[in-house]
Amino acid sequence: MSKTPFDSSVYPQRHLLGIEGLSPVDIALLLDRADEYVELNRSVGGKLDTLTGRTVINLFYEASTRTRTSFELAAKRLGADVINMSISTSSVKKGETLIDTAMTLNAMHPDVLVARHAASGAVKLLSEKVNCAVINGGDGRHEHPTQALLDALTIRRRKGHLDNLQVAICGDILHSRVARSNIHLLNTMGARVRLIAPKTLIPAEAERLGVEVFHDMKAGLKDCDIVMMLRLQTERMQSNFFPTMREYYHFFGLDYAKLEAAKPDALIMHPGPMNRGVEIASDVADDIGRSAIREQVEMGVAVRMACLEVLSLNLAAEQPAYDDDDEEAGGAA
């Protein structure tokens, strides 16, 4: 397996804490790099040695299957050493604070820390307490940047571009960090975004994000190129946001009757895990011609490989080269 050498000077970011603040050039660079890894991942061959000798720590305070596993696989395919922190058996369960955990991990000198936390802003706080690069694996309702990047890569590979596409994001917008990251990315790259949800699941500031808001699926899906469904995040709901799951599916679950309003070649997406028969009908989710849900999982590994590589090389470029002569001089002194 081979790859094009990467020039770390063209990507100025030290961390990946969110999509907000990234330029179109930053986003395109990560997507282009990930595109190369898609083809490499599909070919037969051993892992790369790009990150040999480097250490990636996955620190997940919330349960995850897709994100944590794909980061682990991505790091190993690049040759890095990977440590998965088990919160259930760690000092966190004994009362250790987030900052103390950060200081402990920093003393181990990792190269990249991938973190997921239930509190918005927690990953940014971690980034301020460690010397390594930090990637946000999802923080509260705030952002999930690598999910938005893999969604964008999936769309770009299917449609050929992102600009001027009409994208509908449907479902639990209020609690969704995936929705926020996608809104930032799609707006930055020139797409037009619609949000479709019950009034109770639309954040008050939604229209200030540069989107159109709809409360009717057929009206919102009219002539859309992309239909992105979201999971109902019941674990974050402190009250009743809709009467019943059955009623929610009737009005906002994606089935073929509602999908008729979108373009005939509209792409169907979902970040997972899916609640079939609640957010999306099984036959729609499994539609080979239109559903890109499984492809999104594949793109996740490639995107996370690109992010790990870019941030690791940026960190290496910041650090002074180790010199044996320096050590000898220090010893002699």
C-alpha atoms as a PDB file:
ATOM      1  CA  MET A   1       0.000   0.000   0.000  1.00  0.00           C
ATOM      2  CA  SER A   2       1.305   3.475  -0.856  1.00  0.00           C
ATOM      3  CA  LYS A   3       0.087   7.012  -0.406  1.00  0.00           C
ATOM      4  CA  THR A   4       0.872  10.545  -1.470  1.00  0.00           C
ATOM      5  CA  PRO A   5       3.176  12.322   1.049  1.00  0.00           C
ATOM      6  CA  PHE A   6       1.312  14.869   3.141  1.00  0.00           C
ATOM      7  CA  ASP A   7       2.585  18.405   3.667  1.00  0.00           C
ATOM      8  CA  SER A   8       1.571  19.295   7.241  1.00  0.00           C
ATOM      9  CA  SER A   9       2.122  23.011   6.614  1.00  0.00           C
ATOM     10  CA  VAL A  10      -1.073  23.266   4.534  1.00  0.00           C
ATOM     11  CA  TYR A  11      -3.344  22.357   7.481  1.00  0.00           C
ATOM     12  CA  PRO A  12      -2.979  24.934  10.281  1.00  0.00           C
ATOM     13  CA  GLN A  13      -5.166  23.333  12.980  1.00  0.00           C
ATOM     14  CA  ARG A  14      -3.602  21.709  16.057  1.00  0.00           C
ATOM     15  CA  HIS A  15      -6.823  19.982  17.197  1.00  0.00           C
ATOM     16  CA  LEU A  16     -10.123  18.913  15.657  1.00  0.00           C
ATOM     17  CA  LEU A  17     -12.682  20.100  18.196  1.00  0.00           C
ATOM     18  CA  GLY A  18     -15.461  20.991  15.774  1.00  0.00           C
ATOM     19  CA  ILE A  19     -16.339  21.887  12.210  1.00  0.00           C
ATOM     20  CA  GLU A  20     -17.237  25.454  13.164  1.00  0.00           C
ATOM     21  CA  GLY A  21     -14.218  27.591  12.382  1.00  0.00           C
ATOM     22  CA  LEU A  22     -12.768  25.327   9.695  1.00  0.00           C
ATOM     23  CA  SER A  23     -12.377  26.910   6.277  1.00  0.00           C
ATOM     24  CA  PRO A  24     -13.547  25.327   3.012  1.00  0.00           C
ATOM     25  CA  VAL A  25      -9.866  24.655   2.270  1.00  0.00           C
ATOM     26  CA  ASP A  26      -9.387  22.853   5.620  1.00  0.00           C
ATOM     27  CA  ILE A  27     -12.455  20.696   5.025  1.00  0.00           C
ATOM     28  CA  ALA A  28     -11.554  19.894   1.424  1.00  0.00           C
ATOM     29  CA  LEU A  29      -8.028  18.909   2.460  1.00  0.00           C
ATOM     30  CA  LEU A  30      -9.318  16.397   5.017  1.00  0.00           C
ATOM     31  CA  LEU A  31     -11.861  15.000   2.554  1.00  0.00           C
ATOM     32  CA  ASP A  32      -9.265  14.690  -0.213  1.00  0.00           C
ATOM     33  CA  ARG A  33      -6.895  12.889   2.137  1.00  0.00           C
ATOM     34  CA  ALA A  34      -9.649  10.569   3.321  1.00  0.00           C
ATOM     35  CA  ASP A  35     -10.555   9.816  -0.308  1.00  0.00           C
ATOM     36  CA  GLU A  36      -7.104   8.328  -0.811  1.00  0.00           C
ATOM     37  CA  TYR A  37      -7.570   6.089   2.207  1.00  0.00           C
ATOM     38  CA  VAL A  38     -10.893   4.749   0.908  1.00  0.00           C
ATOM     39  CA  GLU A  39      -9.118   3.177  -2.032  1.00  0.00           C
ATOM     40  CA  LEU A  40      -6.237   1.958   0.122  1.00  0.00           C
ATOM     41  CA  ASN A  41      -8.651   0.331   2.582  1.00  0.00           C
ATOM     42  CA  ARG A  42     -10.348  -1.514  -0.275  1.00  0.00           C
ATOM     43  CA  SER A  43      -7.082  -2.905  -1.606  1.00  0.00           C
ATOM     44  CA  VAL A  44      -5.272  -5.965  -0.302  1.00  0.00           C
ATOM     45  CA  GLY A  45      -2.238  -5.175   1.804  1.00  0.00           C
ATOM     46  CA  GLY A  46      -0.841  -4.727   5.268  1.00  0.00           C
ATOM     47  CA  LYS A  47      -1.116  -1.705   7.473  1.00  0.00           C
ATOM     48  CA  LEU A  48       0.863   1.440   6.788  1.00  0.00           C
ATOM     49  CA  ASP A  49       3.743   2.658   8.920  1.00  0.00           C
ATOM     50  CA  THR A  50       2.764   6.348   8.801  1.00  0.00           C
ATOM     51  CA  LEU A  51       2.203   6.577  12.568  1.00  0.00           C
ATOM     52  CA  THR A  52       4.588   3.864  13.743  1.00  0.00           C
ATOM     53  CA  GLY A  53       5.928   4.783  17.164  1.00  0.00           C
ATOM     54  CA  ARG A  54       3.013   7.089  17.914  1.00  0.00           C
ATOM     55  CA  THR A  55       0.313   6.495  20.515  1.00  0.00           C
ATOM     56  CA  VAL A  56      -3.408   7.165  20.200  1.00  0.00           C
ATOM     57  CA  ILE A  57      -5.611   7.078  23.310  1.00  0.00           C
ATOM     58  CA  ASN A  58      -9.380   6.648  22.985  1.00  0.00           C
ATOM     59  CA  LEU A  59     -11.039   8.234  26.019  1.00  0.00           C
ATOM     60  CA  PHE A  60     -14.781   7.649  25.756  1.00  0.00           C
ATOM     61  CA  TYR A  61     -16.963   8.715  28.669  1.00  0.00           C
ATOM     62  CA  GLU A  62     -20.056   7.691  26.664  1.00  0.00           C
ATOM     63  CA  ALA A  63     -20.812   4.360  25.065  1.00  0.00           C
ATOM     64  CA  SER A  64     -19.834   4.047  21.409  1.00  0.00           C
ATOM     65  CA  THR A  65     -19.493   1.271  18.889  1.00  0.00           C
ATOM     66  CA  ARG A  66     -18.956   2.907  15.493  1.00  0.00           C
ATOM     67  CA  THR A  67     -16.853   5.891  16.506  1.00  0.00           C
ATOM     68  CA  ARG A  68     -14.499   4.227  18.971  1.00  0.00           C
ATOM     69  CA  THR A  69     -14.036   1.101  16.865  1.00  0.00           C
ATOM     70  CA  SER A  70     -13.374   3.042  13.674  1.00  0.00           C
ATOM     71  CA  PHE A  71     -10.835   5.285  15.421  1.00  0.00           C
ATOM     72  CA  GLU A  72      -9.096   2.188  16.762  1.00  0.00           C
ATOM     73  CA  LEU A  73      -9.071   0.535  13.356  1.00  0.00           C
ATOM     74  CA  ALA A  74      -7.921   3.745  11.665  1.00  0.00           C
ATOM     75  CA  ALA A  75      -5.014   4.177  14.089  1.00  0.00           C
ATOM     76  CA  LYS A  76      -3.911   0.550  13.739  1.00  0.00           C
ATOM     77  CA  ARG A  77      -4.054   0.717   9.949  1.00  0.00           C
ATOM     78  CA  LEU A  78      -1.637   3.641  10.168  1.00  0.00           C
ATOM     79  CA  GLY A  79       0.697   1.672  12.420  1.00  0.00           C
ATOM     80  CA  ALA A  80       0.006   3.522  15.681  1.00  0.00           C
ATOM     81  CA  ASP A  81      -0.206   1.981  19.138  1.00  0.00           C
ATOM     82  CA  VAL A  82      -3.755   2.285  20.517  1.00  0.00           C
ATOM     83  CA  ILE A  83      -4.976   2.411  24.107  1.00  0.00           C
ATOM     84  CA  ASN A  84      -8.708   2.229  24.786  1.00  0.00           C
ATOM     85  CA  MET A  85      -9.510   3.701  28.194  1.00  0.00           C
ATOM     86  CA  SER A  86     -12.275   1.796  29.952  1.00  0.00           C
ATOM     87  CA  ILE A  87     -14.124   4.400  32.001  1.00  0.00           C
ATOM     88  CA  SER A  88     -16.071   1.757  33.917  1.00  0.00           C
ATOM     89  CA  THR A  89     -12.812   0.426  35.428  1.00  0.00           C
ATOM     90  CA  SER A  90     -10.812   3.655  35.510  1.00  0.00           C
ATOM     91  CA  SER A  91     -10.130   6.205  38.258  1.00  0.00           C
ATOM     92  CA  VAL A  92     -13.022   8.255  36.890  1.00  0.00           C
ATOM     93  CA  LYS A  93     -15.326   5.838  38.714  1.00  0.00           C
ATOM     94  CA  LYS A  94     -13.375   6.618  41.885  1.00  0.00           C
ATOM     95  CA  GLY A  95     -14.101  10.324  41.581  1.00  0.00           C
ATOM     96  CA  GLU A  96     -11.185  11.568  39.496  1.00  0.00           C
ATOM     97  CA  THR A  97     -11.969  14.857  37.744  1.00  0.00           C
ATOM     98  CA  LEU A  98     -11.689  15.451  34.034  1.00  0.00           C
ATOM     99  CA  ILE A  99      -8.717  17.759  34.555  1.00  0.00           C
ATOM    100  CA  ASP A 100      -6.906  15.218  36.744  1.00  0.00           C
ATOM    101  CA  THR A 101      -7.513  12.566  34.097  1.00  0.00           C
ATOM    102  CA  ALA A 102      -6.111  14.926  31.465  1.00  0.00           C
ATOM    103  CA  MET A 103      -2.987  15.575  33.545  1.00  0.00           C
ATOM    104  CA  THR A 104      -2.481  11.850  34.106  1.00  0.00           C
ATOM    105  CA  LEU A 105      -2.798  11.052  30.409  1.00  0.00           C
ATOM    106  CA  ASN A 106      -0.569  13.991  29.468  1.00  0.00           C
ATOM    107  CA  ALA A 107       2.194  12.560  31.642  1.00  0.00           C
ATOM    108  CA  MET A 108       2.127   9.446  29.430  1.00  0.00           C
ATOM    109  CA  HIS A 109       2.994  11.595  26.371  1.00  0.00           C
ATOM    110  CA  PRO A 110       0.377  10.359  23.870  1.00  0.00           C
ATOM    111  CA  ASP A 111       0.399  11.835  20.387  1.00  0.00           C
ATOM    112  CA  VAL A 112      -3.375  11.974  19.859  1.00  0.00           C
ATOM    113  CA  LEU A 113      -6.233  11.876  22.339  1.00  0.00           C
ATOM    114  CA  VAL A 114      -9.665  11.013  20.947  1.00  0.00           C
ATOM    115  CA  ALA A 115     -12.308  11.974  23.491  1.00  0.00           C
ATOM    116  CA  ARG A 116     -16.073  11.663  23.838  1.00  0.00           C
ATOM    117  CA  HIS A 117     -17.937  13.229  26.745  1.00  0.00           C
ATOM    118  CA  ALA A 118     -21.548  13.910  27.714  1.00  0.00           C
ATOM    119  CA  ALA A 119     -20.827  17.564  28.545  1.00  0.00           C
ATOM    120  CA  SER A 120     -20.590  20.157  25.788  1.00  0.00           C
ATOM    121  CA  GLY A 121     -17.190  21.821  25.931  1.00  0.00           C
ATOM    122  CA  ALA A 122     -15.496  19.025  27.893  1.00  0.00           C
ATOM    123  CA  VAL A 123     -13.254  18.018  24.991  1.00  0.00           C
ATOM    124  CA  LYS A 124     -12.128  21.622  24.494  1.00  0.00           C
ATOM    125  CA  LEU A 125     -11.198  21.734  28.174  1.00  0.00           C
ATOM    126  CA  LEU A 126      -9.139  18.569  27.713  1.00  0.00           C
ATOM    127  CA  SER A 127      -7.332  20.124  24.761  1.00  0.00           C
ATOM    128  CA  GLU A 128      -6.237  23.022  26.966  1.00  0.00           C
ATOM    129  CA  LYS A 129      -4.671  20.670  29.535  1.00  0.00           C
ATOM    130  CA  VAL A 130      -2.645  18.322  27.309  1.00  0.00           C
ATOM    131  CA  ASN A 131       0.284  18.728  24.952  1.00  0.00           C
ATOM    132  CA  CYS A 132      -0.956  16.261  22.337  1.00  0.00           C
ATOM    133  CA  ALA A 133      -3.447  16.710  19.504  1.00  0.00           C
ATOM    134  CA  VAL A 134      -7.093  16.227  20.527  1.00  0.00           C
ATOM    135  CA  ILE A 135      -9.934  14.982  18.337  1.00  0.00           C
ATOM    136  CA  ASN A 136     -13.519  15.466  19.444  1.00  0.00           C
ATOM    137  CA  GLY A 137     -15.383  12.155  19.240  1.00  0.00           C
ATOM    138  CA  GLY A 138     -18.592  13.925  20.317  1.00  0.00           C
ATOM    139  CA  ASP A 139     -19.245  16.295  23.219  1.00  0.00           C
ATOM    140  CA  GLY A 140     -22.757  16.659  24.576  1.00  0.00           C
ATOM    141  CA  ARG A 141     -25.014  18.543  22.171  1.00  0.00           C
ATOM    142  CA  HIS A 142     -22.097  20.526  20.774  1.00  0.00           C
ATOM    143  CA  GLU A 143     -20.290  18.819  17.867  1.00  0.00           C
ATOM    144  CA  HIS A 144     -19.196  15.528  16.323  1.00  0.00           C
ATOM    145  CA  PRO A 145     -16.787  16.701  13.607  1.00  0.00           C
ATOM    146  CA  THR A 146     -15.598  13.381  12.186  1.00  0.00           C
ATOM    147  CA  GLN A 147     -19.211  12.267  11.676  1.00  0.00           C
ATOM    148  CA  ALA A 148     -19.885  15.365   9.582  1.00  0.00           C
ATOM    149  CA  LEU A 149     -16.694  14.765   7.605  1.00  0.00           C
ATOM    150  CA  LEU A 150     -17.586  11.155   6.851  1.00  0.00           C
ATOM    151  CA  ASP A 151     -21.106  12.208   5.872  1.00  0.00           C
ATOM    152  CA  ALA A 152     -19.627  14.828   3.544  1.00  0.00           C
ATOM    153  CA  LEU A 153     -17.233  12.312   2.024  1.00  0.00           C
ATOM    154  CA  THR A 154     -20.113   9.893   1.431  1.00  0.00           C
ATOM    155  CA  ILE A 155     -22.149  12.605  -0.282  1.00  0.00           C
ATOM    156  CA  ARG A 156     -19.238  13.880  -2.356  1.00  0.00           C
ATOM    157  CA  ARG A 157     -18.356  10.407  -3.615  1.00  0.00           C
ATOM    158  CA  ARG A 158     -21.988   9.713  -4.564  1.00  0.00           C
ATOM    159  CA  LYS A 159     -22.935  13.141  -5.952  1.00  0.00           C
ATOM    160  CA  GLY A 160     -19.533  14.436  -7.053  1.00  0.00           C
ATOM    161  CA  HIS A 161     -19.816  17.705  -5.118  1.00  0.00           C
ATOM    162  CA  LEU A 162     -21.309  19.388  -2.060  1.00  0.00           C
ATOM    163  CA  ASP A 163     -22.140  22.867  -3.293  1.00  0.00           C
ATOM    164  CA  ASN A 164     -25.737  23.713  -4.229  1.00  0.00           C
ATOM    165  CA  LEU A 165     -27.125  20.423  -2.932  1.00  0.00           C
ATOM    166  CA  GLN A 166     -30.407  20.582  -1.016  1.00  0.00           C
ATOM    167  CA  VAL A 167     -29.911  18.599   2.202  1.00  0.00           C
ATOM    168  CA  ALA A 168     -32.673  17.751   4.668  1.00  0.00           C
ATOM    169  CA  ILE A 169     -31.657  16.842   8.223  1.00  0.00           C
ATOM    170  CA  CYS A 170     -34.621  15.199   9.900  1.00  0.00           C
ATOM    171  CA  GLY A 171     -35.478  14.211  13.455  1.00  0.00           C
ATOM    172  CA  ASP A 172     -34.031  15.033  16.852  1.00  0.00           C
ATOM    173  CA  ILE A 173     -32.172  18.221  15.944  1.00  0.00           C
ATOM    174  CA  LEU A 174     -32.373  19.595  19.479  1.00  0.00           C
ATOM    175  CA  HIS A 175     -30.127  16.973  21.066  1.00  0.00           C
ATOM    176  CA  SER A 176     -27.962  16.185  18.034  1.00  0.00           C
ATOM    177  CA  ARG A 177     -24.269  17.115  17.848  1.00  0.00           C
ATOM    178  CA  VAL A 178     -24.241  15.348  14.485  1.00  0.00           C
ATOM    179  CA  ALA A 179     -26.799  17.846  13.155  1.00  0.00           C
ATOM    180  CA  ARG A 180     -24.774  20.812  14.377  1.00  0.00           C
ATOM    181  CA  SER A 181     -21.542  19.631  12.806  1.00  0.00           C
ATOM    182  CA  ASN A 182     -23.305  18.836   9.550  1.00  0.00           C
ATOM    183  CA  ILE A 183     -24.992  22.236   9.453  1.00  0.00           C
ATOM    184  CA  HIS A 184     -21.630  23.988   9.865  1.00  0.00           C
ATOM    185  CA  LEU A 185     -19.927  21.825   7.240  1.00  0.00           C
ATOM    186  CA  LEU A 186     -22.671  21.907   4.637  1.00  0.00           C
ATOM    187  CA  ASN A 187     -23.146  25.665   4.932  1.00  0.00           C
ATOM    188  CA  THR A 188     -19.389  26.207   4.686  1.00  0.00           C
ATOM    189  CA  MET A 189     -19.187  24.061   1.556  1.00  0.00           C
ATOM    190  CA  GLY A 190     -22.096  25.779  -0.199  1.00  0.00           C
ATOM    191  CA  ALA A 191     -24.968  23.339   0.321  1.00  0.00           C
ATOM    192  CA  ARG A 192     -28.479  24.439   1.345  1.00  0.00           C
ATOM    193  CA  VAL A 193     -29.735  22.916   4.589  1.00  0.00           C
ATOM    194  CA  ARG A 194     -33.271  22.232   5.768  1.00  0.00           C
ATOM    195  CA  LEU A 195     -34.211  21.006   9.237  1.00  0.00           C
ATOM    196  CA  ILE A 196     -37.357  18.898   9.616  1.00  0.00           C
ATOM    197  CA  ALA A 197     -38.683  17.997  13.060  1.00  0.00           C
ATOM    198  CA  PRO A 198     -41.488  18.560  15.546  1.00  0.00           C
ATOM    199  CA  LYS A 199     -41.361  22.048  17.062  1.00  0.00           C
ATOM    200  CA  THR A 200     -40.271  20.502  20.357  1.00  0.00           C
ATOM    201  CA  LEU A 201     -37.128  19.024  18.727  1.00  0.00           C
ATOM    202  CA  ILE A 202     -35.943  22.180  16.950  1.00  0.00           C
ATOM    203  CA  PRO A 203     -33.476  24.365  18.915  1.00  0.00           C
ATOM    204  CA  ALA A 204     -34.545  27.973  19.456  1.00  0.00           C
ATOM    205  CA  GLU A 205     -31.488  29.322  17.628  1.00  0.00           C
ATOM    206  CA  ALA A 206     -31.953  27.080  14.557  1.00  0.00           C
ATOM    207  CA  GLU A 207     -32.805  29.758  12.006  1.00  0.00           C
ATOM    208  CA  ARG A 208     -29.739  31.777  13.033  1.00  0.00           C
ATOM    209  CA  LEU A 209     -27.633  28.870  11.753  1.00  0.00           C
ATOM    210  CA  GLY A 210     -28.515  29.666   8.147  1.00  0.00           C
ATOM    211  CA  VAL A 211     -31.064  26.894   7.610  1.00  0.00           C
ATOM    212  CA  GLU A 212     -34.729  26.570   6.674  1.00  0.00           C
ATOM    213  CA  VAL A 213     -37.010  24.965   9.260  1.00  0.00           C
ATOM    214  CA  PHE A 214     -39.974  22.701   8.458  1.00  0.00           C
ATOM    215  CA  HIS A 215     -42.396  20.778  10.648  1.00  0.00           C
ATOM    216  CA  ASP A 216     -43.875  18.676   7.847  1.00  0.00           C
ATOM    217  CA  MET A 217     -41.840  15.914   6.193  1.00  0.00           C
ATOM    218  CA  LYS A 218     -43.333  16.144   2.707  1.00  0.00           C
ATOM    219  CA  ALA A 219     -42.943  19.916   2.549  1.00  0.00           C
ATOM    220  CA  GLY A 220     -39.402  19.782   3.898  1.00  0.00           C
ATOM    221  CA  LEU A 221     -38.291  16.918   1.652  1.00  0.00           C
ATOM    222  CA  LYS A 222     -39.570  18.519  -1.553  1.00  0.00           C
ATOM    223  CA  ASP A 223     -36.845  18.324  -4.219  1.00  0.00           C
ATOM    224  CA  CYS A 224     -34.093  17.403  -1.735  1.00  0.00           C
ATOM    225  CA  ASP A 225     -30.902  15.702  -2.946  1.00  0.00           C
ATOM    226  CA  ILE A 226     -29.966  14.257   0.445  1.00  0.00           C
ATOM    227  CA  VAL A 227     -32.203  12.965   3.245  1.00  0.00           C
ATOM    228  CA  MET A 228     -30.267  12.628   6.489  1.00  0.00           C
ATOM    229  CA  MET A 229     -32.222  10.988   9.306  1.00  0.00           C
ATOM    230  CA  LEU A 230     -31.230  11.304  12.972  1.00  0.00           C
ATOM    231  CA  ARG A 231     -31.622   9.002  15.950  1.00  0.00           C
ATOM    232  CA  LEU A 232     -34.040   9.962  18.702  1.00  0.00           C
ATOM    233  CA  GLN A 233     -31.672  10.552  21.618  1.00  0.00           C
ATOM    234  CA  THR A 234     -33.997   9.500  24.385  1.00  0.00           C
ATOM    235  CA  GLU A 235     -31.075   9.267  26.834  1.00  0.00           C
ATOM    236  CA  ARG A 236     -30.726  13.073  26.638  1.00  0.00           C
ATOM    237  CA  MET A 237     -34.427  13.842  26.933  1.00  0.00           C
ATOM    238  CA  GLN A 238     -35.507  15.112  30.338  1.00  0.00           C
ATOM    239  CA  SER A 239     -39.198  15.392  29.415  1.00  0.00           C
ATOM    240  CA  ASN A 240     -41.712  14.261  26.785  1.00  0.00           C
ATOM    241  CA  PHE A 241     -41.002  15.810  23.381  1.00  0.00           C
ATOM    242  CA  PHE A 242     -43.676  13.845  21.488  1.00  0.00           C
ATOM    243  CA  PRO A 243     -46.672  11.712  22.533  1.00  0.00           C
ATOM    244  CA  THR A 244     -45.593   8.214  21.442  1.00  0.00           C
ATOM    245  CA  MET A 245     -43.025   6.486  19.257  1.00  0.00           C
ATOM    246  CA  ARG A 246     -45.851   5.312  16.993  1.00  0.00           C
ATOM    247  CA  GLU A 247     -47.059   8.875  16.456  1.00  0.00           C
ATOM    248  CA  TYR A 248     -43.511  10.096  15.865  1.00  0.00           C
ATOM    249  CA  TYR A 249     -43.000   7.478  13.152  1.00  0.00           C
ATOM    250  CA  HIS A 250     -46.331   8.333  11.554  1.00  0.00           C
ATOM    251  CA  PHE A 251     -45.396  11.985  11.104  1.00  0.00           C
ATOM    252  CA  PHE A 252     -41.591  12.004  10.987  1.00  0.00           C
ATOM    253  CA  GLY A 253     -40.366   8.477  10.272  1.00  0.00           C
ATOM    254  CA  LEU A 254     -38.951   8.101   6.763  1.00  0.00           C
ATOM    255  CA  ASP A 255     -40.942   5.737   4.553  1.00  0.00           C
ATOM    256  CA  TYR A 256     -41.411   5.579   0.796  1.00  0.00           C
ATOM    257  CA  ALA A 257     -44.592   7.653   0.905  1.00  0.00           C
ATOM    258  CA  LYS A 258     -42.756  10.611   2.439  1.00  0.00           C
ATOM    259  CA  LEU A 259     -39.645  10.005   0.337  1.00  0.00           C
ATOM    260  CA  GLU A 260     -41.640  10.578  -2.857  1.00  0.00           C
ATOM    261  CA  ALA A 261     -41.374  14.323  -2.211  1.00  0.00           C
ATOM    262  CA  ALA A 262     -37.572  14.235  -2.546  1.00  0.00           C
ATOM    263  CA  LYS A 263     -35.737  13.883  -5.832  1.00  0.00           C
ATOM    264  CA  PRO A 264     -35.919  10.403  -7.403  1.00  0.00           C
ATOM    265  CA  ASP A 265     -32.192   9.879  -6.821  1.00  0.00           C
ATOM    266  CA  ALA A 266     -32.153  11.367  -3.309  1.00  0.00           C
ATOM    267  CA  LEU A 267     -29.518   9.754  -1.101  1.00  0.00           C
ATOM    268  CA  ILE A 268     -30.685   8.311   2.244  1.00  0.00           C
ATOM    269  CA  MET A 269     -28.370   8.623   5.242  1.00  0.00           C
ATOM    270  CA  HIS A 270     -28.361   7.901   8.977  1.00  0.00           C
ATOM    271  CA  PRO A 271     -25.417   8.198  11.424  1.00  0.00           C
ATOM    272  CA  GLY A 272     -26.557   5.147  13.396  1.00  0.00           C
ATOM    273  CA  PRO A 273     -27.517   3.367  15.438  1.00  0.00           C
ATOM    274  CA  MET A 274     -30.916   3.227  13.748  1.00  0.00           C
ATOM    275  CA  ASN A 275     -34.253   2.710  15.449  1.00  0.00           C
ATOM    276  CA  ARG A 276     -36.055   0.891  12.657  1.00  0.00           C
ATOM    277  CA  GLY A 277     -39.751   1.616  12.558  1.00  0.00           C
ATOM    278  CA  VAL A 278     -39.225   4.815  14.555  1.00  0.00           C
ATOM    279  CA  GLU A 279     -36.913   7.069  12.527  1.00  0.00           C
ATOM    280  CA  ILE A 280     -36.814   5.060   9.342  1.00  0.00           C
ATOM    281  CA  ALA A 281     -38.601   2.123   7.723  1.00  0.00           C
ATOM    282  CA  SER A 282     -36.498  -1.002   7.286  1.00  0.00           C
ATOM    283  CA  ASP A 283     -37.125  -1.262   3.558  1.00  0.00           C
ATOM    284  CA  VAL A 284     -35.953   2.328   3.063  1.00  0.00           C
ATOM    285  CA  ALA A 285     -32.860   1.841   5.242  1.00  0.00           C
ATOM    286  CA  ASP A 286     -31.936  -1.295   3.270  1.00  0.00           C
ATOM    287  CA  ASP A 287     -32.629   0.150  -0.197  1.00  0.00           C
ATOM    288  CA  ILE A 288     -29.428  -0.808  -2.038  1.00  0.00           C
ATOM    289  CA  GLY A 289     -29.850   1.811  -4.725  1.00  0.00           C
ATOM    290  CA  ARG A 290     -30.537   4.811  -2.500  1.00  0.00           C
ATOM    291  CA  SER A 291     -29.326   4.116   1.026  1.00  0.00           C
ATOM    292  CA  ALA A 292     -25.719   5.099   1.861  1.00  0.00           C
ATOM    293  CA  ILE A 293     -25.907   4.065   5.524  1.00  0.00           C
ATOM    294  CA  ARG A 294     -23.402   1.213   5.290  1.00  0.00           C
ATOM    295  CA  GLU A 295     -21.141   3.333   3.111  1.00  0.00           C
ATOM    296  CA  GLN A 296     -21.088   5.954   5.856  1.00  0.00           C
ATOM    297  CA  VAL A 297     -19.535   3.395   8.201  1.00  0.00           C
ATOM    298  CA  GLU A 298     -16.842   2.598   5.629  1.00  0.00           C
ATOM    299  CA  MET A 299     -16.094   6.287   5.069  1.00  0.00           C
ATOM    300  CA  GLY A 300     -15.690   6.699   8.832  1.00  0.00           C
ATOM    301  CA  VAL A 301     -12.491   4.665   8.916  1.00  0.00           C
ATOM    302  CA  ALA A 302     -10.966   6.605   6.007  1.00  0.00           C
ATOM    303  CA  VAL A 303     -11.892   9.998   7.479  1.00  0.00           C
ATOM    304  CA  ARG A 304     -10.467   9.098  10.873  1.00  0.00           C
ATOM    305  CA  MET A 305      -7.269   7.853   9.263  1.00  0.00           C
ATOM    306  CA  ALA A 306      -6.919  11.219   7.552  1.00  0.00           C
ATOM    307  CA  CYS A 307      -7.568  13.162  10.761  1.00  0.00           C
ATOM    308  CA  LEU A 308      -5.146  11.074  12.821  1.00  0.00           C
ATOM    309  CA  GLU A 309      -2.439  11.405  10.185  1.00  0.00           C
ATOM    310  CA  VAL A 310      -2.826  15.139   9.623  1.00  0.00           C
ATOM    311  CA  LEU A 311      -2.905  16.077  13.312  1.00  0.00           C
ATOM    312  CA  SER A 312      -0.055  13.709  14.221  1.00  0.00           C
ATOM    313  CA  LEU A 313       2.187  15.119  11.522  1.00  0.00           C
ATOM    314  CA  ASN A 314       1.302  18.674  12.526  1.00  0.00           C
ATOM    315  CA  LEU A 315       2.266  17.865  16.114  1.00  0.00           C
ATOM    316  CA  ALA A 316       5.537  16.320  14.959  1.00  0.00           C
ATOM    317  CA  ALA A 317       6.323  19.425  12.901  1.00  0.00           C
ATOM    318  CA  GLU A 318       5.934  21.567  16.042  1.00  0.00           C
ATOM    319  CA  GLN A 319       8.316  19.474  18.121  1.00  0.00           C
ATOM    320  CA  PRO A 320      12.086  19.926  17.878  1.00  0.00           C
ATOM    321  CA  ALA A 321      13.979  16.999  16.425  1.00  0.00           C
ATOM    322  CA  TYR A 322      15.706  14.761  18.975  1.00  0.00           C
ATOM    323  CA  ASP A 323      19.468  15.034  18.733  1.00  0.00           C
ATOM    324  CA  ASP A 324      21.874  12.542  20.295  1.00  0.00           C
ATOM    325  CA  ASP A 325      24.510  15.281  20.503  1.00  0.00           C
ATOM    326  CA  ASP A 326      22.179  17.357  22.688  1.00  0.00           C
ATOM    327  CA  GLU A 327      21.835  14.489  25.162  1.00  0.00           C
ATOM    328  CA  GLU A 328      25.586  13.916  25.227  1.00  0.00           C
ATOM    329  CA  ALA A 329      26.198  17.608  25.809  1.00  0.00           C
ATOM    330  CA  GLY A 330      23.632  17.624  28.594  1.00  0.00           C
ATOM    331  CA  GLY A 331      25.207  14.562  30.162  1.00  0.00           C
ATOM    332  CA  ALA A 332      28.653  16.099  29.986  1.00  0.00           C
ATOM    333  CA  ALA A 333      27.401  19.225  31.642  1.00  0.00           C
END
